[in-house]
Amino acid sequence: MEYLGFKSTNDPLFQADKTMMRLKDKAGDSREVEYYEAIDIFAQNAEEANSMAFVSSWGEANPGGGKDRIKLFIERSKNNVIKSKDALKTVMDILDLKP
């Protein structure tokens, strides 16, 4: 949750999708569609990763839960984080930003 900016307003990626929307004019017309798609992919996957991380914390306590359920939710969250990272990289490339 902290990795994607959901834990604190001080996290570097806190409300990153809103920041990306404010920078949309810098994307240029030629890559505008790609830019908006990357923002959507980032936001969707970041939200899903956050949800899966939260659910994993209750995986063992839920009926039918167990360590295998925790692992499943953590793996899903990890996959969403990777997709968010890739989308963020696309946004950075379009805006010509360096990490």
PDB file of N, CA and C in Angstrom:
ATOM      1  N   MET A   1       0.827  -1.184   0.000  1.00  0.00           N
ATOM      2  CA  MET A   1       0.000   0.000   0.000  1.00  0.00           C
ATOM      3  C   MET A   1       0.874   1.252   0.000  1.00  0.00           C
ATOM      4  N   GLU A   2       1.931   1.208   0.762  1.00  0.00           N
ATOM      5  CA  GLU A   2       2.846   2.346   0.829  1.00  0.00           C
ATOM      6  C   GLU A   2       3.565   2.558  -0.502  1.00  0.00           C
ATOM      7  N   TYR A   3       3.922   1.466  -1.149  1.00  0.00           N
ATOM      8  CA  TYR A   3       4.668   1.510  -2.406  1.00  0.00           C
ATOM      9  C   TYR A   3       3.930   2.333  -3.460  1.00  0.00           C
ATOM     10  N   LEU A   4       2.606   2.227  -3.493  1.00  0.00           N
ATOM     11  CA  LEU A   4       1.810   2.919  -4.505  1.00  0.00           C
ATOM     12  C   LEU A   4       1.158   4.202  -3.997  1.00  0.00           C
ATOM     13  N   GLY A   5       1.498   4.623  -2.786  1.00  0.00           N
ATOM     14  CA  GLY A   5       1.003   5.892  -2.289  1.00  0.00           C
ATOM     15  C   GLY A   5      -0.350   5.853  -1.607  1.00  0.00           C
ATOM     16  N   PHE A   6      -0.751   4.702  -1.091  1.00  0.00           N
ATOM     17  CA  PHE A   6      -2.055   4.581  -0.439  1.00  0.00           C
ATOM     18  C   PHE A   6      -1.983   4.630   1.087  1.00  0.00           C
ATOM     19  N   LYS A   7      -0.796   4.712   1.641  1.00  0.00           N
ATOM     20  CA  LYS A   7      -0.652   4.629   3.086  1.00  0.00           C
ATOM     21  C   LYS A   7      -0.608   6.010   3.744  1.00  0.00           C
ATOM     22  N   SER A   8      -0.015   6.978   3.058  1.00  0.00           N
ATOM     23  CA  SER A   8       0.183   8.295   3.656  1.00  0.00           C
ATOM     24  C   SER A   8       0.198   9.374   2.580  1.00  0.00           C
ATOM     25  N   THR A   9      -0.210  10.568   2.968  1.00  0.00           N
ATOM     26  CA  THR A   9      -0.140  11.693   2.029  1.00  0.00           C
ATOM     27  C   THR A   9       1.303  12.083   1.735  1.00  0.00           C
ATOM     28  N   ASN A  10       2.242  11.566   2.498  1.00  0.00           N
ATOM     29  CA  ASN A  10       3.663  11.850   2.279  1.00  0.00           C
ATOM     30  C   ASN A  10       4.324  10.861   1.316  1.00  0.00           C
ATOM     31  N   ASP A  11       3.612   9.806   0.932  1.00  0.00           N
ATOM     32  CA  ASP A  11       4.174   8.827  -0.003  1.00  0.00           C
ATOM     33  C   ASP A  11       4.381   9.494  -1.363  1.00  0.00           C
ATOM     34  N   PRO A  12       5.495   9.211  -2.034  1.00  0.00           N
ATOM     35  CA  PRO A  12       5.793   9.865  -3.318  1.00  0.00           C
ATOM     36  C   PRO A  12       4.714   9.684  -4.390  1.00  0.00           C
ATOM     37  N   LEU A  13       4.006   8.581  -4.381  1.00  0.00           N
ATOM     38  CA  LEU A  13       2.988   8.351  -5.408  1.00  0.00           C
ATOM     39  C   LEU A  13       1.564   8.654  -4.926  1.00  0.00           C
ATOM     40  N   PHE A  14       1.435   9.348  -3.798  1.00  0.00           N
ATOM     41  CA  PHE A  14       0.107   9.709  -3.295  1.00  0.00           C
ATOM     42  C   PHE A  14      -0.635  10.511  -4.370  1.00  0.00           C
ATOM     43  N   GLN A  15      -1.791  10.017  -4.775  1.00  0.00           N
ATOM     44  CA  GLN A  15      -2.639  10.618  -5.807  1.00  0.00           C
ATOM     45  C   GLN A  15      -1.866  10.903  -7.103  1.00  0.00           C
ATOM     46  N   ALA A  16      -1.002   9.971  -7.477  1.00  0.00           N
ATOM     47  CA  ALA A  16      -0.181  10.134  -8.681  1.00  0.00           C
ATOM     48  C   ALA A  16      -1.029  10.289  -9.932  1.00  0.00           C
ATOM     49  N   ASP A  17      -2.164   9.594  -9.996  1.00  0.00           N
ATOM     50  CA  ASP A  17      -3.011   9.708 -11.181  1.00  0.00           C
ATOM     51  C   ASP A  17      -3.520  11.134 -11.372  1.00  0.00           C
ATOM     52  N   LYS A  18      -3.801  11.823 -10.285  1.00  0.00           N
ATOM     53  CA  LYS A  18      -4.248  13.220 -10.377  1.00  0.00           C
ATOM     54  C   LYS A  18      -3.111  14.121 -10.854  1.00  0.00           C
ATOM     55  N   THR A  19      -1.918  13.842 -10.380  1.00  0.00           N
ATOM     56  CA  THR A  19      -0.751  14.601 -10.836  1.00  0.00           C
ATOM     57  C   THR A  19      -0.530  14.378 -12.326  1.00  0.00           C
ATOM     58  N   MET A  20      -0.646  13.119 -12.765  1.00  0.00           N
ATOM     59  CA  MET A  20      -0.471  12.811 -14.187  1.00  0.00           C
ATOM     60  C   MET A  20      -1.518  13.533 -15.037  1.00  0.00           C
ATOM     61  N   MET A  21      -2.736  13.635 -14.548  1.00  0.00           N
ATOM     62  CA  MET A  21      -3.779  14.341 -15.294  1.00  0.00           C
ATOM     63  C   MET A  21      -3.451  15.831 -15.404  1.00  0.00           C
ATOM     64  N   ARG A  22      -2.882  16.399 -14.355  1.00  0.00           N
ATOM     65  CA  ARG A  22      -2.504  17.816 -14.415  1.00  0.00           C
ATOM     66  C   ARG A  22      -1.389  18.059 -15.430  1.00  0.00           C
ATOM     67  N   LEU A  23      -0.597  17.039 -15.726  1.00  0.00           N
ATOM     68  CA  LEU A  23       0.518  17.163 -16.659  1.00  0.00           C
ATOM     69  C   LEU A  23       0.146  16.782 -18.093  1.00  0.00           C
ATOM     70  N   LYS A  24      -1.121  16.504 -18.332  1.00  0.00           N
ATOM     71  CA  LYS A  24      -1.561  15.989 -19.639  1.00  0.00           C
ATOM     72  C   LYS A  24      -1.183  16.897 -20.808  1.00  0.00           C
ATOM     73  N   ASP A  25      -1.150  18.197 -20.599  1.00  0.00           N
ATOM     74  CA  ASP A  25      -0.812  19.117 -21.691  1.00  0.00           C
ATOM     75  C   ASP A  25       0.626  18.961 -22.159  1.00  0.00           C
ATOM     76  N   LYS A  26       1.481  18.439 -21.322  1.00  0.00           N
ATOM     77  CA  LYS A  26       2.884  18.238 -21.681  1.00  0.00           C
ATOM     78  C   LYS A  26       3.104  16.965 -22.513  1.00  0.00           C
ATOM     79  N   ALA A  27       2.052  16.153 -22.636  1.00  0.00           N
ATOM     80  CA  ALA A  27       2.173  14.882 -23.361  1.00  0.00           C
ATOM     81  C   ALA A  27       2.274  15.081 -24.873  1.00  0.00           C
ATOM     82  N   GLY A  28       1.706  16.128 -25.365  1.00  0.00           N
ATOM     83  CA  GLY A  28       1.724  16.351 -26.810  1.00  0.00           C
ATOM     84  C   GLY A  28       0.593  15.600 -27.489  1.00  0.00           C
ATOM     85  N   ASP A  29       0.144  16.152 -28.586  1.00  0.00           N
ATOM     86  CA  ASP A  29      -1.001  15.581 -29.298  1.00  0.00           C
ATOM     87  C   ASP A  29      -0.708  14.207 -29.898  1.00  0.00           C
ATOM     88  N   SER A  30       0.521  13.984 -30.320  1.00  0.00           N
ATOM     89  CA  SER A  30       0.835  12.733 -31.009  1.00  0.00           C
ATOM     90  C   SER A  30       0.747  11.508 -30.091  1.00  0.00           C
ATOM     91  N   ARG A  31       0.889  11.710 -28.790  1.00  0.00           N
ATOM     92  CA  ARG A  31       0.854  10.569 -27.857  1.00  0.00           C
ATOM     93  C   ARG A  31      -0.241  10.721 -26.801  1.00  0.00           C
ATOM     94  N   GLU A  32      -1.201  11.586 -27.082  1.00  0.00           N
ATOM     95  CA  GLU A  32      -2.251  11.878 -26.115  1.00  0.00           C
ATOM     96  C   GLU A  32      -3.045  10.633 -25.720  1.00  0.00           C
ATOM     97  N   VAL A  33      -3.462   9.839 -26.696  1.00  0.00           N
ATOM     98  CA  VAL A  33      -4.255   8.636 -26.418  1.00  0.00           C
ATOM     99  C   VAL A  33      -3.440   7.654 -25.586  1.00  0.00           C
ATOM    100  N   GLU A  34      -2.197   7.446 -25.971  1.00  0.00           N
ATOM    101  CA  GLU A  34      -1.313   6.546 -25.222  1.00  0.00           C
ATOM    102  C   GLU A  34      -1.133   7.028 -23.780  1.00  0.00           C
ATOM    103  N   TYR A  35      -1.031   8.337 -23.614  1.00  0.00           N
ATOM    104  CA  TYR A  35      -0.861   8.936 -22.286  1.00  0.00           C
ATOM    105  C   TYR A  35      -2.079   8.648 -21.401  1.00  0.00           C
ATOM    106  N   TYR A  36      -3.273   8.908 -21.937  1.00  0.00           N
ATOM    107  CA  TYR A  36      -4.488   8.660 -21.159  1.00  0.00           C
ATOM    108  C   TYR A  36      -4.657   7.175 -20.839  1.00  0.00           C
ATOM    109  N   GLU A  37      -4.323   6.323 -21.782  1.00  0.00           N
ATOM    110  CA  GLU A  37      -4.402   4.878 -21.535  1.00  0.00           C
ATOM    111  C   GLU A  37      -3.441   4.467 -20.420  1.00  0.00           C
ATOM    112  N   ALA A  38      -2.239   5.018 -20.431  1.00  0.00           N
ATOM    113  CA  ALA A  38      -1.260   4.692 -19.393  1.00  0.00           C
ATOM    114  C   ALA A  38      -1.749   5.150 -18.016  1.00  0.00           C
ATOM    115  N   ILE A  39      -2.366   6.324 -17.959  1.00  0.00           N
ATOM    116  CA  ILE A  39      -2.918   6.803 -16.684  1.00  0.00           C
ATOM    117  C   ILE A  39      -4.010   5.865 -16.198  1.00  0.00           C
ATOM    118  N   ASP A  40      -4.893   5.461 -17.106  1.00  0.00           N
ATOM    119  CA  ASP A  40      -5.977   4.536 -16.735  1.00  0.00           C
ATOM    120  C   ASP A  40      -5.418   3.206 -16.239  1.00  0.00           C
ATOM    121  N   ILE A  41      -4.445   2.676 -16.949  1.00  0.00           N
ATOM    122  CA  ILE A  41      -3.830   1.403 -16.548  1.00  0.00           C
ATOM    123  C   ILE A  41      -3.166   1.544 -15.192  1.00  0.00           C
ATOM    124  N   PHE A  42      -2.445   2.645 -14.995  1.00  0.00           N
ATOM    125  CA  PHE A  42      -1.794   2.879 -13.704  1.00  0.00           C
ATOM    126  C   PHE A  42      -2.833   2.907 -12.585  1.00  0.00           C
ATOM    127  N   ALA A  43      -3.849   3.747 -12.742  1.00  0.00           N
ATOM    128  CA  ALA A  43      -4.847   3.921 -11.680  1.00  0.00           C
ATOM    129  C   ALA A  43      -5.598   2.629 -11.382  1.00  0.00           C
ATOM    130  N   GLN A  44      -6.037   1.930 -12.432  1.00  0.00           N
ATOM    131  CA  GLN A  44      -6.767   0.672 -12.242  1.00  0.00           C
ATOM    132  C   GLN A  44      -5.941  -0.353 -11.491  1.00  0.00           C
ATOM    133  N   ASN A  45      -4.713  -0.534 -11.929  1.00  0.00           N
ATOM    134  CA  ASN A  45      -3.866  -1.554 -11.320  1.00  0.00           C
ATOM    135  C   ASN A  45      -3.373  -1.153  -9.940  1.00  0.00           C
ATOM    136  N   ALA A  46      -3.137   0.118  -9.725  1.00  0.00           N
ATOM    137  CA  ALA A  46      -2.729   0.573  -8.399  1.00  0.00           C
ATOM    138  C   ALA A  46      -3.860   0.333  -7.393  1.00  0.00           C
ATOM    139  N   GLU A  47      -5.079   0.646  -7.801  1.00  0.00           N
ATOM    140  CA  GLU A  47      -6.238   0.433  -6.930  1.00  0.00           C
ATOM    141  C   GLU A  47      -6.446  -1.056  -6.642  1.00  0.00           C
ATOM    142  N   GLU A  48      -6.307  -1.872  -7.675  1.00  0.00           N
ATOM    143  CA  GLU A  48      -6.465  -3.323  -7.508  1.00  0.00           C
ATOM    144  C   GLU A  48      -5.356  -3.886  -6.616  1.00  0.00           C
ATOM    145  N   ALA A  49      -4.138  -3.410  -6.801  1.00  0.00           N
ATOM    146  CA  ALA A  49      -3.023  -3.865  -5.955  1.00  0.00           C
ATOM    147  C   ALA A  49      -3.283  -3.513  -4.499  1.00  0.00           C
ATOM    148  N   ASN A  50      -3.782  -2.313  -4.272  1.00  0.00           N
ATOM    149  CA  ASN A  50      -4.116  -1.878  -2.921  1.00  0.00           C
ATOM    150  C   ASN A  50      -5.187  -2.784  -2.313  1.00  0.00           C
ATOM    151  N   SER A  51      -6.207  -3.087  -3.091  1.00  0.00           N
ATOM    152  CA  SER A  51      -7.287  -3.955  -2.608  1.00  0.00           C
ATOM    153  C   SER A  51      -6.781  -5.358  -2.288  1.00  0.00           C
ATOM    154  N   MET A  52      -5.989  -5.919  -3.194  1.00  0.00           N
ATOM    155  CA  MET A  52      -5.466  -7.269  -2.977  1.00  0.00           C
ATOM    156  C   MET A  52      -4.535  -7.316  -1.766  1.00  0.00           C
ATOM    157  N   ALA A  53      -3.738  -6.266  -1.562  1.00  0.00           N
ATOM    158  CA  ALA A  53      -2.860  -6.222  -0.386  1.00  0.00           C
ATOM    159  C   ALA A  53      -3.696  -6.194   0.891  1.00  0.00           C
ATOM    160  N   PHE A  54      -4.768  -5.414   0.878  1.00  0.00           N
ATOM    161  CA  PHE A  54      -5.648  -5.341   2.045  1.00  0.00           C
ATOM    162  C   PHE A  54      -6.317  -6.690   2.299  1.00  0.00           C
ATOM    163  N   VAL A  55      -6.852  -7.292   1.249  1.00  0.00           N
ATOM    164  CA  VAL A  55      -7.536  -8.585   1.383  1.00  0.00           C
ATOM    165  C   VAL A  55      -6.565  -9.645   1.892  1.00  0.00           C
ATOM    166  N   SER A  56      -5.317  -9.582   1.432  1.00  0.00           N
ATOM    167  CA  SER A  56      -4.339 -10.588   1.870  1.00  0.00           C
ATOM    168  C   SER A  56      -4.109 -10.523   3.377  1.00  0.00           C
ATOM    169  N   SER A  57      -4.253  -9.340   3.952  1.00  0.00           N
ATOM    170  CA  SER A  57      -4.038  -9.217   5.395  1.00  0.00           C
ATOM    171  C   SER A  57      -5.120  -9.936   6.195  1.00  0.00           C
ATOM    172  N   TRP A  58      -6.236 -10.242   5.557  1.00  0.00           N
ATOM    173  CA  TRP A  58      -7.325 -10.961   6.211  1.00  0.00           C
ATOM    174  C   TRP A  58      -7.493 -12.371   5.644  1.00  0.00           C
ATOM    175  N   GLY A  59      -6.599 -12.772   4.750  1.00  0.00           N
ATOM    176  CA  GLY A  59      -6.729 -14.054   4.064  1.00  0.00           C
ATOM    177  C   GLY A  59      -6.835 -15.260   4.963  1.00  0.00           C
ATOM    178  N   GLU A  60      -6.115 -15.267   6.061  1.00  0.00           N
ATOM    179  CA  GLU A  60      -6.125 -16.427   6.950  1.00  0.00           C
ATOM    180  C   GLU A  60      -7.332 -16.401   7.884  1.00  0.00           C
ATOM    181  N   ALA A  61      -7.838 -15.217   8.187  1.00  0.00           N
ATOM    182  CA  ALA A  61      -8.951 -15.099   9.134  1.00  0.00           C
ATOM    183  C   ALA A  61     -10.300 -15.389   8.489  1.00  0.00           C
ATOM    184  N   ASN A  62     -10.405 -15.245   7.185  1.00  0.00           N
ATOM    185  CA  ASN A  62     -11.673 -15.467   6.493  1.00  0.00           C
ATOM    186  C   ASN A  62     -12.003 -16.957   6.416  1.00  0.00           C
ATOM    187  N   PRO A  63     -13.291 -17.276   6.404  1.00  0.00           N
ATOM    188  CA  PRO A  63     -13.676 -18.681   6.221  1.00  0.00           C
ATOM    189  C   PRO A  63     -13.108 -19.202   4.906  1.00  0.00           C
ATOM    190  N   GLY A  64     -12.529 -20.377   4.951  1.00  0.00           N
ATOM    191  CA  GLY A  64     -11.914 -20.960   3.762  1.00  0.00           C
ATOM    192  C   GLY A  64     -10.550 -20.364   3.462  1.00  0.00           C
ATOM    193  N   GLY A  65     -10.078 -19.499   4.348  1.00  0.00           N
ATOM    194  CA  GLY A  65      -8.788 -18.849   4.145  1.00  0.00           C
ATOM    195  C   GLY A  65      -7.645 -19.715   4.625  1.00  0.00           C
ATOM    196  N   GLY A  66      -6.478 -19.238   4.438  1.00  0.00           N
ATOM    197  CA  GLY A  66      -5.278 -19.942   4.865  1.00  0.00           C
ATOM    198  C   GLY A  66      -4.072 -19.296   4.211  1.00  0.00           C
ATOM    199  N   LYS A  67      -2.921 -19.837   4.477  1.00  0.00           N
ATOM    200  CA  LYS A  67      -1.690 -19.287   3.922  1.00  0.00           C
ATOM    201  C   LYS A  67      -1.693 -19.296   2.395  1.00  0.00           C
ATOM    202  N   ASP A  68      -2.332 -20.300   1.801  1.00  0.00           N
ATOM    203  CA  ASP A  68      -2.399 -20.348   0.336  1.00  0.00           C
ATOM    204  C   ASP A  68      -3.235 -19.192  -0.216  1.00  0.00           C
ATOM    205  N   ARG A  69      -4.283 -18.775   0.499  1.00  0.00           N
ATOM    206  CA  ARG A  69      -5.110 -17.635   0.072  1.00  0.00           C
ATOM    207  C   ARG A  69      -4.314 -16.336   0.200  1.00  0.00           C
ATOM    208  N   ILE A  70      -3.542 -16.219   1.263  1.00  0.00           N
ATOM    209  CA  ILE A  70      -2.700 -15.031   1.438  1.00  0.00           C
ATOM    210  C   ILE A  70      -1.720 -14.925   0.273  1.00  0.00           C
ATOM    211  N   LYS A  71      -1.092 -16.036  -0.036  1.00  0.00           N
ATOM    212  CA  LYS A  71      -0.125 -16.061  -1.141  1.00  0.00           C
ATOM    213  C   LYS A  71      -0.798 -15.672  -2.460  1.00  0.00           C
ATOM    214  N   LEU A  72      -1.998 -16.169  -2.707  1.00  0.00           N
ATOM    215  CA  LEU A  72      -2.742 -15.855  -3.917  1.00  0.00           C
ATOM    216  C   LEU A  72      -2.991 -14.345  -4.031  1.00  0.00           C
ATOM    217  N   PHE A  73      -3.465 -13.736  -2.952  1.00  0.00           N
ATOM    218  CA  PHE A  73      -3.767 -12.300  -2.983  1.00  0.00           C
ATOM    219  C   PHE A  73      -2.504 -11.456  -3.104  1.00  0.00           C
ATOM    220  N   ILE A  74      -1.437 -11.881  -2.454  1.00  0.00           N
ATOM    221  CA  ILE A  74      -0.162 -11.165  -2.563  1.00  0.00           C
ATOM    222  C   ILE A  74       0.364 -11.262  -3.991  1.00  0.00           C
ATOM    223  N   GLU A  75       0.253 -12.407  -4.606  1.00  0.00           N
ATOM    224  CA  GLU A  75       0.710 -12.577  -5.987  1.00  0.00           C
ATOM    225  C   GLU A  75      -0.102 -11.698  -6.941  1.00  0.00           C
ATOM    226  N   ARG A  76      -1.401 -11.639  -6.728  1.00  0.00           N
ATOM    227  CA  ARG A  76      -2.249 -10.769  -7.553  1.00  0.00           C
ATOM    228  C   ARG A  76      -1.835  -9.308  -7.372  1.00  0.00           C
ATOM    229  N   SER A  77      -1.604  -8.920  -6.127  1.00  0.00           N
ATOM    230  CA  SER A  77      -1.175  -7.555  -5.842  1.00  0.00           C
ATOM    231  C   SER A  77       0.150  -7.251  -6.526  1.00  0.00           C
ATOM    232  N   LYS A  78       1.075  -8.185  -6.460  1.00  0.00           N
ATOM    233  CA  LYS A  78       2.380  -8.016  -7.097  1.00  0.00           C
ATOM    234  C   LYS A  78       2.228  -7.809  -8.601  1.00  0.00           C
ATOM    235  N   ASN A  79       1.377  -8.604  -9.239  1.00  0.00           N
ATOM    236  CA  ASN A  79       1.151  -8.459 -10.680  1.00  0.00           C
ATOM    237  C   ASN A  79       0.576  -7.087 -11.015  1.00  0.00           C
ATOM    238  N   ASN A  80      -0.338  -6.598 -10.173  1.00  0.00           N
ATOM    239  CA  ASN A  80      -0.902  -5.270 -10.391  1.00  0.00           C
ATOM    240  C   ASN A  80       0.151  -4.174 -10.195  1.00  0.00           C
ATOM    241  N   VAL A  81       1.024  -4.358  -9.234  1.00  0.00           N
ATOM    242  CA  VAL A  81       2.101  -3.384  -9.011  1.00  0.00           C
ATOM    243  C   VAL A  81       3.008  -3.320 -10.237  1.00  0.00           C
ATOM    244  N   ILE A  82       3.321  -4.454 -10.811  1.00  0.00           N
ATOM    245  CA  ILE A  82       4.176  -4.495 -12.005  1.00  0.00           C
ATOM    246  C   ILE A  82       3.498  -3.762 -13.166  1.00  0.00           C
ATOM    247  N   LYS A  83       2.210  -3.991 -13.357  1.00  0.00           N
ATOM    248  CA  LYS A  83       1.480  -3.307 -14.422  1.00  0.00           C
ATOM    249  C   LYS A  83       1.433  -1.799 -14.174  1.00  0.00           C
ATOM    250  N   SER A  84       1.252  -1.406 -12.909  1.00  0.00           N
ATOM    251  CA  SER A  84       1.261   0.021 -12.561  1.00  0.00           C
ATOM    252  C   SER A  84       2.622   0.636 -12.841  1.00  0.00           C
ATOM    253  N   LYS A  85       3.672  -0.087 -12.478  1.00  0.00           N
ATOM    254  CA  LYS A  85       5.032   0.402 -12.710  1.00  0.00           C
ATOM    255  C   LYS A  85       5.288   0.592 -14.202  1.00  0.00           C
ATOM    256  N   ASP A  86       4.859  -0.361 -15.005  1.00  0.00           N
ATOM    257  CA  ASP A  86       5.044  -0.267 -16.453  1.00  0.00           C
ATOM    258  C   ASP A  86       4.276   0.926 -17.032  1.00  0.00           C
ATOM    259  N   ALA A  87       3.062   1.142 -16.550  1.00  0.00           N
ATOM    260  CA  ALA A  87       2.270   2.281 -17.017  1.00  0.00           C
ATOM    261  C   ALA A  87       2.912   3.600 -16.591  1.00  0.00           C
ATOM    262  N   LEU A  88       3.442   3.633 -15.381  1.00  0.00           N
ATOM    263  CA  LEU A  88       4.132   4.833 -14.907  1.00  0.00           C
ATOM    264  C   LEU A  88       5.358   5.113 -15.759  1.00  0.00           C
ATOM    265  N   LYS A  89       6.064   4.072 -16.150  1.00  0.00           N
ATOM    266  CA  LYS A  89       7.224   4.240 -17.028  1.00  0.00           C
ATOM    267  C   LYS A  89       6.802   4.821 -18.372  1.00  0.00           C
ATOM    268  N   THR A  90       5.677   4.365 -18.905  1.00  0.00           N
ATOM    269  CA  THR A  90       5.162   4.910 -20.165  1.00  0.00           C
ATOM    270  C   THR A  90       4.873   6.400 -20.015  1.00  0.00           C
ATOM    271  N   VAL A  91       4.229   6.777 -18.924  1.00  0.00           N
ATOM    272  CA  VAL A  91       3.934   8.198 -18.666  1.00  0.00           C
ATOM    273  C   VAL A  91       5.236   8.995 -18.596  1.00  0.00           C
ATOM    274  N   MET A  92       6.208   8.460 -17.871  1.00  0.00           N
ATOM    275  CA  MET A  92       7.497   9.155 -17.749  1.00  0.00           C
ATOM    276  C   MET A  92       8.190   9.283 -19.107  1.00  0.00           C
ATOM    277  N   ASP A  93       8.126   8.251 -19.919  1.00  0.00           N
ATOM    278  CA  ASP A  93       8.725   8.300 -21.264  1.00  0.00           C
ATOM    279  C   ASP A  93       8.046   9.368 -22.117  1.00  0.00           C
ATOM    280  N   ILE A  94       6.721   9.398 -22.073  1.00  0.00           N
ATOM    281  CA  ILE A  94       5.973  10.382 -22.871  1.00  0.00           C
ATOM    282  C   ILE A  94       6.312  11.812 -22.413  1.00  0.00           C
ATOM    283  N   LEU A  95       6.442  12.003 -21.108  1.00  0.00           N
ATOM    284  CA  LEU A  95       6.757  13.330 -20.574  1.00  0.00           C
ATOM    285  C   LEU A  95       8.254  13.624 -20.591  1.00  0.00           C
ATOM    286  N   ASP A  96       9.031  12.647 -21.046  1.00  0.00           N
ATOM    287  CA  ASP A  96      10.496  12.769 -21.110  1.00  0.00           C
ATOM    288  C   ASP A  96      11.089  13.070 -19.724  1.00  0.00           C
ATOM    289  N   LEU A  97      10.622  12.325 -18.731  1.00  0.00           N
ATOM    290  CA  LEU A  97      11.123  12.455 -17.363  1.00  0.00           C
ATOM    291  C   LEU A  97      12.109  11.330 -17.084  1.00  0.00           C
ATOM    292  N   LYS A  98      13.100  11.621 -16.311  1.00  0.00           N
ATOM    293  CA  LYS A  98      14.097  10.624 -15.926  1.00  0.00           C
ATOM    294  C   LYS A  98      13.818  10.175 -14.495  1.00  0.00           C
ATOM    295  N   PRO A  99      14.008   8.874 -14.213  1.00  0.00           N
ATOM    296  CA  PRO A  99      13.754   8.379 -12.834  1.00  0.00           C
ATOM    297  C   PRO A  99      14.751   8.955 -11.845  1.00  0.00           C
TER     298      PRO A  99
END
